Amino acid sequence: MVALKAENVSMSYGSLASRREVLKDFSLEVEEAGFVALMGPSGSGKSTLLHLSAGLLLPDSGRIEVGGVEISSMGDAAAARFRRRHEGVVFQAYNLVESLTVAENVSLPAKLDHRKVDEKRVNELLDSLGLSSRGGESVLSLSGGERQRVAVARALYMKPRIILADEPTGNLDAKSARELCGIFKGLNVREKTAILMVTHDPVVASVADKVCFLGDGRVLSSHDTKHDPANVSSLYLEAFG
């Protein structure tokens, strides 16, 4: 079973007079329980692909499926509902609701979906991410690394088929980044959660099993990371150097 499939996707921005094609007949698959990192120069379409995969944007052409369900033709309301139930999205900027507590942020998908909050699920997630004593606190009292862990817990609350992570370590210090990478790897191994992660950092990318290099709107090449940052760096230089 494929967790995510992008097939012949094209996406452009701008007016007709200054149209810029970001993705050009782009195709990619993430297998169930797969862990794929996307790397490439700025403007290569990495974040655009994640936003398309989350149903936050619609492609000009092509299709994107999550768990066999096409998301690329859904309207905003249907896409938001599907995203809450089947995808976990982690942004670089955390995107937490500052007026809510840590626990309330984690359970927000349930409230938005008009479901009863599963307090046991919230507590299990907070405990697994080292935040068991912080549930009642404001997110404003947390460090950057802790806030990103809350964002991960929120993304996991509905037991998604895939996590879409856009530069999740971009605002973190080196120690917090390493910790978050360990969390992602643990989720992938223990819970078999598929992960598609955008990053510029070869150390972060090496946590994934596979790295795909994007350039000129397409996948230029895909490789086994060997979980070795030096290997990823060497492959990146071959692709773009």
Protein backbone atom coordinates (compact mmCIF):
# COMPACT_ATOMS: atom_id res chain seq x y z
CA MET A 1 0.00 0.00 0.00
CA VAL A 2 1.25 3.50 -0.84
CA ALA A 3 0.85 6.18 1.84
CA LEU A 4 1.24 9.06 -0.62
CA LYS A 5 1.39 9.17 -4.39
CA ALA A 6 1.99 12.27 -6.52
CA GLU A 7 1.52 11.60 -10.21
CA ASN A 8 2.38 14.00 -13.06
CA VAL A 9 1.80 17.05 -10.86
CA SER A 10 2.40 20.54 -12.25
CA MET A 11 2.04 23.76 -10.27
CA SER A 12 2.66 27.38 -11.23
CA TYR A 13 2.48 30.75 -9.49
CA GLY A 14 1.94 34.27 -10.78
CA SER A 15 -0.01 35.93 -13.55
CA LEU A 16 0.00 34.86 -17.18
CA ALA A 17 2.60 37.50 -17.97
CA SER A 18 4.98 36.31 -15.25
CA ARG A 19 4.04 32.69 -14.69
CA ARG A 20 6.63 30.58 -12.82
CA GLU A 21 6.32 26.81 -12.98
CA VAL A 22 7.44 25.34 -9.65
CA LEU A 23 6.56 21.68 -10.22
CA LYS A 24 6.72 20.20 -13.71
CA ASP A 25 5.14 16.81 -14.34
CA PHE A 26 6.32 15.77 -10.87
CA SER A 27 5.90 12.21 -9.57
CA LEU A 28 6.79 10.68 -6.19
CA GLU A 29 5.66 7.81 -3.97
CA VAL A 30 6.01 7.30 -0.22
CA GLU A 31 5.37 3.72 0.83
CA GLU A 32 3.45 2.73 3.95
CA ALA A 33 5.84 3.19 6.87
CA GLY A 34 8.31 4.89 4.52
CA PHE A 35 10.51 7.77 5.67
CA VAL A 36 11.50 10.11 2.83
CA ALA A 37 13.44 13.37 3.01
CA LEU A 38 13.15 16.02 0.29
CA MET A 39 16.16 18.23 -0.41
CA GLY A 40 16.91 20.84 -3.03
CA PRO A 41 17.73 24.51 -3.56
CA SER A 42 15.30 27.20 -2.45
CA GLY A 43 12.48 27.47 -4.96
CA SER A 44 12.78 23.88 -6.13
CA GLY A 45 9.19 23.08 -5.09
CA LYS A 46 9.72 21.17 -1.84
CA SER A 47 7.32 23.14 0.35
CA THR A 48 4.86 23.49 -2.52
CA LEU A 49 4.69 19.70 -2.78
CA LEU A 50 3.97 19.40 0.96
CA HIS A 51 1.22 22.02 0.75
CA LEU A 52 -0.30 20.19 -2.22
CA SER A 53 -0.09 16.89 -0.35
CA ALA A 54 -1.90 18.46 2.61
CA GLY A 55 -4.66 19.81 0.39
CA LEU A 56 -3.69 23.40 1.21
CA LEU A 57 -3.13 24.04 -2.50
CA LEU A 58 -4.58 22.54 -5.68
CA PRO A 59 -2.27 21.58 -8.56
CA ASP A 60 -2.66 22.93 -12.08
CA SER A 61 -2.64 19.33 -13.32
CA GLY A 62 -1.90 15.82 -12.10
CA ARG A 63 -3.18 14.07 -8.98
CA ILE A 64 -2.11 13.40 -5.40
CA GLU A 65 -3.45 10.47 -3.41
CA VAL A 66 -3.12 9.78 0.31
CA GLY A 67 -3.92 6.19 1.22
CA GLY A 68 -5.57 5.74 -2.17
CA VAL A 69 -7.85 8.77 -1.75
CA GLU A 70 -7.35 11.66 -4.16
CA ILE A 71 -6.89 14.90 -2.24
CA SER A 72 -5.83 17.06 -5.18
CA SER A 73 -9.39 17.70 -6.39
CA MET A 74 -11.07 18.34 -3.01
CA GLY A 75 -12.61 21.65 -2.04
CA ASP A 76 -11.29 23.53 0.99
CA ALA A 77 -13.76 22.09 3.51
CA ALA A 78 -13.35 18.49 2.35
CA ALA A 79 -9.56 18.83 2.25
CA ALA A 80 -9.46 20.29 5.77
CA ARG A 81 -11.61 17.43 7.08
CA PHE A 82 -9.46 14.81 5.31
CA ARG A 83 -6.25 16.45 6.53
CA ARG A 84 -7.44 16.44 10.16
CA ARG A 85 -8.34 12.76 10.01
CA HIS A 86 -5.59 11.24 7.89
CA GLU A 87 -2.55 13.54 7.77
CA GLY A 88 -0.35 15.12 10.40
CA VAL A 89 1.26 18.38 9.35
CA VAL A 90 4.27 19.85 11.18
CA PHE A 91 5.44 23.32 10.17
CA GLN A 92 8.71 25.09 10.89
CA ALA A 93 6.87 27.84 12.80
CA TYR A 94 4.97 25.39 15.11
CA ASN A 95 1.56 27.03 14.39
CA LEU A 96 0.31 26.48 17.94
CA VAL A 97 -2.65 28.40 19.39
CA GLU A 98 -1.11 30.59 22.09
CA SER A 99 -4.38 31.05 23.99
CA LEU A 100 -4.66 27.27 24.57
CA THR A 101 -2.75 25.03 26.95
CA VAL A 102 -0.33 22.38 25.78
CA ALA A 103 -2.95 19.62 26.15
CA GLU A 104 -5.61 21.72 24.41
CA ASN A 105 -3.29 22.27 21.44
CA VAL A 106 -2.68 18.54 21.17
CA SER A 107 -6.40 17.73 21.17
CA LEU A 108 -7.35 20.59 18.84
CA PRO A 109 -7.93 18.27 15.83
CA ALA A 110 -10.63 16.43 17.80
CA LYS A 111 -12.39 19.66 18.72
CA LEU A 112 -12.25 20.93 15.15
CA ASP A 113 -13.70 17.59 14.04
CA HIS A 114 -16.49 17.85 16.68
CA ARG A 115 -15.27 14.73 18.50
CA LYS A 116 -14.96 14.04 22.20
CA VAL A 117 -11.40 14.58 23.36
CA ASP A 118 -9.57 11.37 24.23
CA GLU A 119 -7.70 12.46 27.35
CA LYS A 120 -5.85 9.13 27.51
CA ARG A 121 -4.53 9.67 23.98
CA VAL A 122 -3.40 13.20 24.86
CA ASN A 123 -1.60 12.02 27.98
CA GLU A 124 0.06 9.12 26.16
CA LEU A 125 1.37 11.45 23.47
CA LEU A 126 2.66 14.02 25.95
CA ASP A 127 4.33 11.28 27.99
CA SER A 128 5.98 9.74 24.90
CA LEU A 129 7.37 13.15 23.92
CA GLY A 130 8.68 14.06 27.37
CA LEU A 131 5.95 16.57 28.14
CA SER A 132 3.90 14.64 30.68
CA SER A 133 4.08 17.39 33.30
CA ARG A 134 3.40 20.27 30.93
CA GLY A 135 -0.16 19.56 29.74
CA GLY A 136 -1.83 22.33 31.75
CA GLU A 137 0.74 25.00 30.92
CA SER A 138 0.55 27.72 28.32
CA VAL A 139 2.58 26.99 25.19
CA LEU A 140 4.19 30.40 25.75
CA SER A 141 6.10 28.90 28.69
CA LEU A 142 7.82 26.31 26.47
CA SER A 143 11.15 26.37 24.67
CA GLY A 144 11.30 26.12 20.89
CA GLY A 145 12.09 22.42 21.02
CA GLU A 146 9.21 21.78 23.40
CA ARG A 147 6.80 23.72 21.21
CA GLN A 148 7.78 21.63 18.21
CA ARG A 149 7.16 18.47 20.23
CA VAL A 150 3.68 19.78 21.02
CA ALA A 151 3.17 20.32 17.28
CA VAL A 152 4.27 16.73 16.66
CA ALA A 153 1.88 15.44 19.34
CA ARG A 154 -0.96 17.40 17.73
CA ALA A 155 -0.05 15.96 14.32
CA LEU A 156 -0.18 12.44 15.78
CA TYR A 157 -3.38 12.78 17.79
CA MET A 158 -5.70 11.43 15.07
CA LYS A 159 -3.30 8.55 14.23
CA PRO A 160 -2.55 9.82 10.71
CA ARG A 161 -1.51 7.73 7.75
CA ILE A 162 1.38 10.10 7.03
CA ILE A 163 3.22 13.02 8.63
CA LEU A 164 4.15 15.95 6.38
CA ALA A 165 6.98 17.93 7.97
CA ASP A 166 8.18 21.22 6.44
CA GLU A 167 11.64 22.16 7.79
CA PRO A 168 10.63 20.94 11.27
CA THR A 169 14.07 21.64 12.75
CA GLY A 170 14.54 25.02 11.06
CA ASN A 171 13.87 27.07 14.22
CA LEU A 172 15.60 24.71 16.65
CA ASP A 173 19.07 24.63 18.16
CA ALA A 174 21.31 21.65 17.41
CA LYS A 175 20.36 19.71 20.55
CA SER A 176 16.61 20.18 20.05
CA ALA A 177 16.98 19.28 16.36
CA ARG A 178 18.70 16.00 17.24
CA GLU A 179 15.98 15.19 19.76
CA LEU A 180 13.23 15.87 17.22
CA CYS A 181 14.98 13.70 14.63
CA GLY A 182 15.05 10.88 17.18
CA ILE A 183 11.34 11.34 17.82
CA PHE A 184 10.52 11.14 14.11
CA LYS A 185 12.65 8.03 13.66
CA GLY A 186 11.03 6.39 16.67
CA LEU A 187 7.53 7.12 15.36
CA ASN A 188 8.43 5.71 11.98
CA VAL A 189 9.92 2.53 13.43
CA ARG A 190 7.51 1.86 16.32
CA GLU A 191 4.20 3.09 14.95
CA LYS A 192 4.95 2.53 11.24
CA THR A 193 3.89 6.11 10.49
CA ALA A 194 4.97 7.25 7.04
CA ILE A 195 6.90 10.55 6.99
CA LEU A 196 7.64 12.99 4.17
CA MET A 197 10.04 15.67 5.42
CA VAL A 198 11.48 18.76 3.75
CA THR A 199 14.90 19.83 5.01
CA HIS A 200 18.07 21.65 3.97
CA ASP A 201 20.16 19.87 6.60
CA PRO A 202 21.99 16.65 5.61
CA VAL A 203 22.15 15.60 9.27
CA VAL A 204 18.36 15.81 9.53
CA ALA A 205 17.87 14.15 6.12
CA SER A 206 20.07 11.23 7.15
CA VAL A 207 17.47 10.18 9.73
CA ALA A 208 15.19 9.24 6.82
CA ASP A 209 15.66 6.00 4.91
CA LYS A 210 15.51 7.67 1.50
CA VAL A 211 16.41 11.13 0.21
CA CYS A 212 14.98 12.66 -2.97
CA PHE A 213 16.66 15.64 -4.62
CA LEU A 214 14.35 18.16 -6.27
CA GLY A 215 15.47 20.49 -9.02
CA ASP A 216 13.81 22.20 -11.95
CA GLY A 217 10.43 21.08 -10.61
CA ARG A 218 11.20 17.37 -10.73
CA VAL A 219 12.83 14.58 -8.74
CA LEU A 220 16.38 14.51 -10.09
CA SER A 221 17.41 11.39 -8.17
CA SER A 222 16.57 9.25 -5.14
CA HIS A 223 19.02 7.45 -2.87
CA ASP A 224 19.36 5.37 0.28
CA THR A 225 20.63 7.78 2.96
CA LYS A 226 22.51 4.96 4.73
CA HIS A 227 21.66 7.12 7.78
CA ASP A 228 24.97 8.88 7.14
CA PRO A 229 25.09 12.71 6.91
CA ALA A 230 28.37 12.55 4.97
CA ASN A 231 26.75 10.28 2.40
CA VAL A 232 23.79 12.65 2.05
CA SER A 233 26.12 15.65 1.69
CA SER A 234 28.14 13.89 -1.00
CA LEU A 235 25.00 12.92 -2.91
CA TYR A 236 23.70 16.50 -2.66
CA LEU A 237 26.92 17.89 -4.12
CA GLU A 238 26.72 15.38 -6.97
CA ALA A 239 23.16 16.49 -7.71
CA PHE A 240 23.62 20.25 -7.40
CA GLY A 241 27.34 20.99 -7.08
